[in-house]
Structure formats: C-alpha cells, structure tokens
Amino acid sequence: MEKKCYYVDFVPFTFPDRNYAELDDYLETHYKETYAKKIIFIAFSLMYYYDCHVYLDEEMSESFSNFKKKDLRNIGLDILDAIHS
C-alpha cells in the first residue's frame, strides 16, 4: 500500500491483571452503555475527519454475514450504530 494505514481497536482482549474479571463485571453493569456511546462518537468523528474504510472483524462478520468483507463507510450512520450497539 502506498499510504499509511491505522487500525483503531477500542477494546483490548488481554489484560496483565488476573483479577480483571471483577473490573469487567463492574464496568459491564455500570458503564458499558456510556462507554459505547463515547466510542461511537469517537469512531464516527474519525470517519468524517479522515478518509477511511470500515470493515467488521472476523467475529462480528459471523453475526452480520451480509456485511462480510464489505466497506461499511457509506452504509449510513444509523446502520453502523445499530451494528455497534
């Protein structure tokens, strides 16, 4: 590729603290919805600020097979929001 590419991954899958499950449960109960709204705000802002392409990862493409390997940049914010939610 001629241009630099950046991948934005909002949630890491590994944590160094073995007691992460306690934090995960707490955040899931008290902050998940607020966090999701902020992430959507950031992602959508980045999409409109930079030239970009949007794809689902392999795990999500199983649930949304009609969008697998398709650039979702221009499918509409309501649909992207629904997928994210």
N, C-alpha and C. Protein backbone atom coordinates (compact mmCIF):
# COMPACT_ATOMS: atom_id res chain seq x y z
N MET A 1 0.85 -1.18 0.00
CA MET A 1 0.00 0.00 0.00
C MET A 1 0.89 1.24 0.00
N GLU A 2 0.43 2.25 -0.66
CA GLU A 2 1.21 3.48 -0.76
C GLU A 2 1.02 4.38 0.45
N LYS A 3 -0.13 4.30 1.10
CA LYS A 3 -0.43 5.17 2.24
C LYS A 3 -0.26 4.39 3.55
N LYS A 4 -0.01 5.16 4.61
CA LYS A 4 -0.01 4.54 5.93
C LYS A 4 -1.43 4.16 6.29
N CYS A 5 -1.59 3.05 6.97
CA CYS A 5 -2.91 2.62 7.43
C CYS A 5 -2.88 2.50 8.94
N TYR A 6 -3.97 2.85 9.56
CA TYR A 6 -4.11 2.75 11.00
C TYR A 6 -5.34 1.92 11.31
N TYR A 7 -5.23 1.07 12.30
CA TYR A 7 -6.37 0.29 12.76
C TYR A 7 -6.74 0.80 14.15
N VAL A 8 -8.02 1.07 14.35
CA VAL A 8 -8.48 1.54 15.64
C VAL A 8 -9.20 0.38 16.31
N ASP A 9 -8.61 -0.12 17.40
CA ASP A 9 -9.19 -1.23 18.16
C ASP A 9 -9.52 -0.67 19.53
N PHE A 10 -10.79 -0.63 19.87
CA PHE A 10 -11.22 0.06 21.07
C PHE A 10 -11.13 -0.77 22.34
N VAL A 11 -11.14 -2.07 22.23
CA VAL A 11 -11.17 -2.90 23.43
C VAL A 11 -10.07 -3.96 23.33
N PRO A 12 -9.05 -3.87 24.18
CA PRO A 12 -8.02 -4.91 24.16
C PRO A 12 -8.59 -6.23 24.69
N PHE A 13 -8.02 -7.34 24.23
CA PHE A 13 -8.52 -8.65 24.65
C PHE A 13 -7.71 -9.27 25.77
N THR A 14 -6.55 -8.72 26.08
CA THR A 14 -5.75 -9.28 27.15
C THR A 14 -5.40 -8.19 28.16
N PHE A 15 -5.36 -8.59 29.42
CA PHE A 15 -5.02 -7.67 30.49
C PHE A 15 -4.01 -8.33 31.40
N PRO A 16 -3.04 -7.56 31.89
CA PRO A 16 -2.00 -8.16 32.72
C PRO A 16 -2.48 -8.58 34.11
N ASP A 17 -3.55 -7.97 34.59
CA ASP A 17 -4.04 -8.28 35.94
C ASP A 17 -4.99 -9.47 35.88
N ARG A 18 -4.68 -10.53 36.60
CA ARG A 18 -5.51 -11.74 36.56
C ARG A 18 -6.87 -11.52 37.21
N ASN A 19 -7.06 -10.45 37.96
CA ASN A 19 -8.33 -10.15 38.60
C ASN A 19 -9.21 -9.26 37.73
N TYR A 20 -8.93 -9.24 36.44
CA TYR A 20 -9.68 -8.38 35.54
C TYR A 20 -11.18 -8.69 35.53
N ALA A 21 -11.56 -9.92 35.79
CA ALA A 21 -12.98 -10.31 35.74
C ALA A 21 -13.83 -9.45 36.67
N GLU A 22 -13.30 -9.11 37.84
CA GLU A 22 -14.04 -8.26 38.78
C GLU A 22 -14.30 -6.88 38.17
N LEU A 23 -13.27 -6.30 37.58
CA LEU A 23 -13.43 -5.00 36.92
C LEU A 23 -14.38 -5.11 35.74
N ASP A 24 -14.22 -6.17 34.95
CA ASP A 24 -15.08 -6.37 33.78
C ASP A 24 -16.55 -6.43 34.18
N ASP A 25 -16.87 -7.18 35.22
CA ASP A 25 -18.25 -7.28 35.69
C ASP A 25 -18.78 -5.92 36.15
N TYR A 26 -17.97 -5.18 36.87
CA TYR A 26 -18.39 -3.87 37.36
C TYR A 26 -18.65 -2.91 36.19
N LEU A 27 -17.72 -2.86 35.26
CA LEU A 27 -17.88 -1.96 34.12
C LEU A 27 -19.08 -2.35 33.27
N GLU A 28 -19.26 -3.65 33.09
CA GLU A 28 -20.41 -4.15 32.32
C GLU A 28 -21.72 -3.66 32.93
N THR A 29 -21.81 -3.70 34.24
CA THR A 29 -23.02 -3.31 34.95
C THR A 29 -23.24 -1.80 34.98
N HIS A 30 -22.16 -1.03 35.19
CA HIS A 30 -22.32 0.39 35.46
C HIS A 30 -21.95 1.34 34.31
N TYR A 31 -21.10 0.91 33.39
CA TYR A 31 -20.56 1.87 32.43
C TYR A 31 -20.63 1.47 30.97
N LYS A 32 -21.06 0.28 30.64
CA LYS A 32 -20.99 -0.20 29.26
C LYS A 32 -21.75 0.71 28.29
N GLU A 33 -22.96 1.08 28.63
CA GLU A 33 -23.76 1.90 27.72
C GLU A 33 -23.12 3.27 27.50
N THR A 34 -22.63 3.88 28.56
CA THR A 34 -21.97 5.19 28.44
C THR A 34 -20.71 5.07 27.60
N TYR A 35 -19.93 4.02 27.85
CA TYR A 35 -18.70 3.78 27.11
C TYR A 35 -19.01 3.57 25.62
N ALA A 36 -20.03 2.78 25.33
CA ALA A 36 -20.38 2.50 23.94
C ALA A 36 -20.75 3.79 23.20
N LYS A 37 -21.50 4.66 23.84
CA LYS A 37 -21.89 5.93 23.21
C LYS A 37 -20.67 6.79 22.92
N LYS A 38 -19.71 6.81 23.83
CA LYS A 38 -18.50 7.60 23.61
C LYS A 38 -17.66 7.02 22.48
N ILE A 39 -17.57 5.70 22.42
CA ILE A 39 -16.80 5.05 21.37
C ILE A 39 -17.43 5.33 20.01
N ILE A 40 -18.74 5.24 19.93
CA ILE A 40 -19.44 5.55 18.67
C ILE A 40 -19.16 7.00 18.27
N PHE A 41 -19.22 7.92 19.21
CA PHE A 41 -18.93 9.33 18.93
C PHE A 41 -17.52 9.49 18.37
N ILE A 42 -16.54 8.85 19.00
CA ILE A 42 -15.15 8.95 18.54
C ILE A 42 -15.00 8.32 17.16
N ALA A 43 -15.54 7.13 16.98
CA ALA A 43 -15.40 6.43 15.70
C ALA A 43 -16.04 7.22 14.56
N PHE A 44 -17.25 7.70 14.78
CA PHE A 44 -17.92 8.47 13.73
C PHE A 44 -17.18 9.77 13.44
N SER A 45 -16.66 10.42 14.46
CA SER A 45 -15.89 11.65 14.25
C SER A 45 -14.65 11.37 13.41
N LEU A 46 -13.94 10.29 13.73
CA LEU A 46 -12.75 9.92 12.95
C LEU A 46 -13.11 9.59 11.51
N MET A 47 -14.24 8.93 11.31
CA MET A 47 -14.66 8.57 9.96
C MET A 47 -14.88 9.80 9.08
N TYR A 48 -15.40 10.85 9.68
CA TYR A 48 -15.70 12.05 8.89
C TYR A 48 -14.53 13.01 8.82
N TYR A 49 -13.55 12.83 9.68
CA TYR A 49 -12.38 13.69 9.66
C TYR A 49 -11.32 13.15 8.69
N TYR A 50 -11.21 11.81 8.62
CA TYR A 50 -10.19 11.17 7.79
C TYR A 50 -10.83 10.34 6.68
N ASP A 51 -10.12 10.21 5.60
CA ASP A 51 -10.50 9.29 4.54
C ASP A 51 -10.30 7.89 5.10
N CYS A 52 -11.32 7.07 5.11
CA CYS A 52 -11.19 5.77 5.76
C CYS A 52 -12.07 4.72 5.11
N HIS A 53 -11.82 3.49 5.51
CA HIS A 53 -12.64 2.34 5.15
C HIS A 53 -13.02 1.65 6.46
N VAL A 54 -14.21 1.11 6.50
CA VAL A 54 -14.71 0.48 7.72
C VAL A 54 -15.11 -0.96 7.42
N TYR A 55 -14.50 -1.89 8.15
CA TYR A 55 -14.81 -3.30 7.98
C TYR A 55 -15.08 -3.93 9.34
N LEU A 56 -15.89 -4.97 9.34
CA LEU A 56 -16.11 -5.74 10.56
C LEU A 56 -14.97 -6.71 10.75
N ASP A 57 -14.65 -7.01 12.01
CA ASP A 57 -13.64 -8.05 12.24
C ASP A 57 -14.30 -9.41 12.03
N GLU A 58 -13.49 -10.45 12.04
CA GLU A 58 -13.99 -11.79 11.74
C GLU A 58 -15.12 -12.22 12.68
N GLU A 59 -14.99 -11.92 13.96
CA GLU A 59 -16.01 -12.33 14.93
C GLU A 59 -17.35 -11.67 14.61
N MET A 60 -17.33 -10.39 14.32
CA MET A 60 -18.58 -9.67 14.03
C MET A 60 -19.14 -10.05 12.66
N SER A 61 -18.28 -10.37 11.71
CA SER A 61 -18.78 -10.68 10.38
C SER A 61 -19.58 -11.99 10.38
N GLU A 62 -19.39 -12.83 11.39
CA GLU A 62 -20.22 -14.04 11.50
C GLU A 62 -21.66 -13.67 11.84
N SER A 63 -21.85 -12.66 12.69
CA SER A 63 -23.19 -12.23 13.08
C SER A 63 -23.86 -11.38 12.00
N PHE A 64 -23.06 -10.71 11.20
CA PHE A 64 -23.57 -9.82 10.15
C PHE A 64 -22.96 -10.25 8.81
N SER A 65 -23.26 -11.49 8.42
CA SER A 65 -22.61 -12.08 7.24
C SER A 65 -22.87 -11.30 5.95
N ASN A 66 -23.98 -10.57 5.87
CA ASN A 66 -24.26 -9.79 4.67
C ASN A 66 -23.30 -8.60 4.52
N PHE A 67 -22.56 -8.26 5.57
CA PHE A 67 -21.60 -7.16 5.51
C PHE A 67 -20.15 -7.65 5.49
N LYS A 68 -19.96 -8.96 5.43
CA LYS A 68 -18.62 -9.54 5.49
C LYS A 68 -17.79 -9.08 4.28
N LYS A 69 -16.58 -8.61 4.59
CA LYS A 69 -15.60 -8.16 3.59
C LYS A 69 -16.12 -7.00 2.73
N LYS A 70 -17.05 -6.21 3.27
CA LYS A 70 -17.56 -5.03 2.57
C LYS A 70 -17.16 -3.78 3.33
N ASP A 71 -16.81 -2.75 2.58
CA ASP A 71 -16.51 -1.46 3.20
C ASP A 71 -17.83 -0.84 3.65
N LEU A 72 -17.95 -0.61 4.94
CA LEU A 72 -19.21 -0.11 5.52
C LEU A 72 -19.22 1.41 5.68
N ARG A 73 -18.23 2.07 5.14
CA ARG A 73 -18.08 3.52 5.35
C ARG A 73 -19.33 4.29 4.94
N ASN A 74 -20.00 3.89 3.89
CA ASN A 74 -21.12 4.67 3.37
C ASN A 74 -22.47 3.98 3.49
N ILE A 75 -22.63 3.09 4.45
CA ILE A 75 -23.94 2.42 4.58
C ILE A 75 -24.92 3.22 5.42
N GLY A 76 -24.45 4.28 6.03
CA GLY A 76 -25.33 5.12 6.85
C GLY A 76 -25.02 4.99 8.33
N LEU A 77 -25.08 6.09 9.01
CA LEU A 77 -24.73 6.11 10.43
C LEU A 77 -25.71 5.31 11.29
N ASP A 78 -26.99 5.32 10.91
CA ASP A 78 -27.97 4.56 11.69
C ASP A 78 -27.67 3.06 11.65
N ILE A 79 -27.27 2.55 10.48
CA ILE A 79 -26.96 1.13 10.37
C ILE A 79 -25.67 0.82 11.12
N LEU A 80 -24.64 1.65 10.98
CA LEU A 80 -23.40 1.43 11.72
C LEU A 80 -23.64 1.48 13.23
N ASP A 81 -24.47 2.40 13.66
CA ASP A 81 -24.79 2.50 15.08
C ASP A 81 -25.50 1.23 15.55
N ALA A 82 -26.42 0.73 14.76
CA ALA A 82 -27.15 -0.50 15.12
C ALA A 82 -26.20 -1.69 15.20
N ILE A 83 -25.25 -1.78 14.28
CA ILE A 83 -24.28 -2.87 14.31
C ILE A 83 -23.43 -2.76 15.57
N HIS A 84 -22.97 -1.58 15.86
CA HIS A 84 -22.13 -1.39 17.03
C HIS A 84 -22.89 -1.70 18.32
N SER A 85 -24.12 -1.25 18.37
CA SER A 85 -24.92 -1.47 19.58
C SER A 85 -25.23 -2.93 19.78
